[in-house]
Every structure is written in structure tokens, then in C-alpha cells.
Amino acid sequence: MTTLLKGSCLAIYLLALAGLVVEIPASVAAPVRYAALILLGAHMVEVLVAFKTIRLYRGPLWVSILLTVLFGFLHWMPLARNGRENRAPERA
């Protein structure tokens, strides 16, 4: 499921970029452009909101930020889940 959603994000971005280079019907181009802008904007906000979780990525921080800008919670939610699982339970 995650792969399908990530592929959909990439498809929207690629269609929006293709619309800048080749002629795409306006009935398709405008909604795709707006969808891409909304996705990118929402994902940039997610970088700020989920920065602690984004830092858990084992690679370079800039790669994790880029993946979050592209895929949003599809990237950082598994990091949060793994972080919770790896954390030892606190005992009193």
C-alpha cells in the first residue's frame, strides 16, 4: 500500500513537471499543478512538525528531509514506529 501511495505522489509530481515542458490539456494540467503544490506545501510543514522523527533516519539528514518533502508521512511514520519499538519500556 505504501508503495502505491508513494508512486501516486511521484506521478503527480512528474505530471506537473511534464506539464511545464509538453502541452497537456488544461483540464488535466491545472488540477495536477495545484495538487503538486498542495502536496509539497503540506509535506514542507510536516518537516517542521515531525523533525525529531525525521532525524531518526539512518542516512544523512538532508536525504530524510528530501524524502519527507516528497512523500510526507509515508517516509517518517515508519521511522516513528521503529523508534517506539526500539525504545525500551520504562519501569518504575
Protein backbone atom coordinates (compact mmCIF):
# COMPACT_ATOMS: atom_id res chain seq x y z
CA MET A 1 0.00 0.00 0.00
CA THR A 2 2.81 2.38 0.88
CA THR A 3 4.45 1.75 -2.48
CA LEU A 4 1.22 2.59 -4.29
CA LEU A 5 0.84 5.85 -2.37
CA LYS A 6 4.48 6.82 -2.93
CA GLY A 7 4.06 6.05 -6.63
CA SER A 8 0.98 8.28 -6.72
CA CYS A 9 2.94 11.14 -5.17
CA LEU A 10 5.69 10.72 -7.74
CA ALA A 11 3.16 10.50 -10.57
CA ILE A 12 1.59 13.80 -9.52
CA TYR A 13 4.99 15.50 -9.33
CA LEU A 14 6.08 14.07 -12.71
CA LEU A 15 2.84 15.08 -14.41
CA ALA A 16 3.17 18.60 -13.03
CA LEU A 17 6.76 18.81 -14.30
CA ALA A 18 5.80 17.35 -17.66
CA GLY A 19 3.08 19.99 -17.95
CA LEU A 20 5.79 22.63 -17.89
CA VAL A 21 7.59 21.06 -20.85
CA VAL A 22 4.89 19.50 -23.04
CA GLU A 23 1.36 20.55 -23.88
CA ILE A 24 -1.13 18.87 -21.58
CA PRO A 25 -4.86 19.66 -21.76
CA ALA A 26 -5.76 22.47 -19.36
CA SER A 27 -8.44 20.32 -17.75
CA VAL A 28 -5.66 18.00 -16.55
CA ALA A 29 -2.71 20.35 -16.17
CA ALA A 30 -4.21 22.85 -13.72
CA PRO A 31 -5.53 20.33 -11.16
CA VAL A 32 -2.29 18.35 -11.28
CA ARG A 33 -0.23 21.51 -10.75
CA TYR A 34 -2.37 22.55 -7.79
CA ALA A 35 -2.25 19.05 -6.32
CA ALA A 36 1.55 19.02 -6.59
CA LEU A 37 1.84 22.44 -4.94
CA ILE A 38 -0.52 21.45 -2.13
CA LEU A 39 1.36 18.18 -1.55
CA LEU A 40 4.73 19.93 -1.48
CA GLY A 41 3.43 22.63 0.86
CA ALA A 42 1.87 20.14 3.25
CA HIS A 43 4.99 17.99 3.25
CA MET A 44 7.20 21.03 4.00
CA VAL A 45 5.05 21.73 7.04
CA GLU A 46 5.47 18.09 8.03
CA VAL A 47 9.25 18.57 8.07
CA LEU A 48 8.80 21.17 10.80
CA VAL A 49 6.22 19.18 12.74
CA ALA A 50 7.97 15.80 12.61
CA PHE A 51 11.61 16.92 12.68
CA LYS A 52 12.51 14.83 15.76
CA THR A 53 11.25 11.72 13.99
CA ILE A 54 12.89 12.66 10.68
CA ARG A 55 16.24 12.76 12.49
CA LEU A 56 15.88 9.03 13.29
CA TYR A 57 16.66 8.17 9.65
CA ARG A 58 19.93 6.21 9.46
CA GLY A 59 21.20 8.10 6.41
CA PRO A 60 22.09 11.78 6.01
CA LEU A 61 19.60 14.26 7.45
CA TRP A 62 19.19 16.08 4.13
CA VAL A 63 18.08 12.83 2.48
CA SER A 64 15.46 12.28 5.17
CA ILE A 65 14.23 15.86 4.73
CA LEU A 66 14.04 15.39 0.95
CA LEU A 67 12.13 12.12 1.33
CA THR A 68 9.72 13.83 3.72
CA VAL A 69 9.16 16.69 1.28
CA LEU A 70 8.43 14.16 -1.46
CA PHE A 71 6.41 11.59 0.48
CA GLY A 72 5.39 13.17 3.79
CA PHE A 73 4.16 10.81 6.47
CA LEU A 74 4.82 7.85 4.17
CA HIS A 75 8.50 8.41 4.96
CA TRP A 76 8.52 9.47 8.60
CA MET A 77 5.70 7.32 10.06
CA PRO A 78 7.72 4.07 9.73
CA LEU A 79 10.64 5.87 11.41
CA ALA A 80 8.39 6.83 14.31
CA ARG A 81 7.01 3.30 14.55
CA ASN A 82 10.51 1.79 14.60
CA GLY A 83 11.64 4.36 17.16
CA ARG A 84 8.82 3.37 19.51
CA GLU A 85 9.57 -0.34 19.06
CA ASN A 86 13.30 0.09 19.70
CA ARG A 87 12.79 2.18 22.81
CA ALA A 88 12.93 0.13 26.00
CA PRO A 89 9.79 0.28 28.12
CA GLU A 90 10.17 2.42 31.21
CA ARG A 91 9.71 0.65 34.52
CA ALA A 92 9.16 2.28 37.86
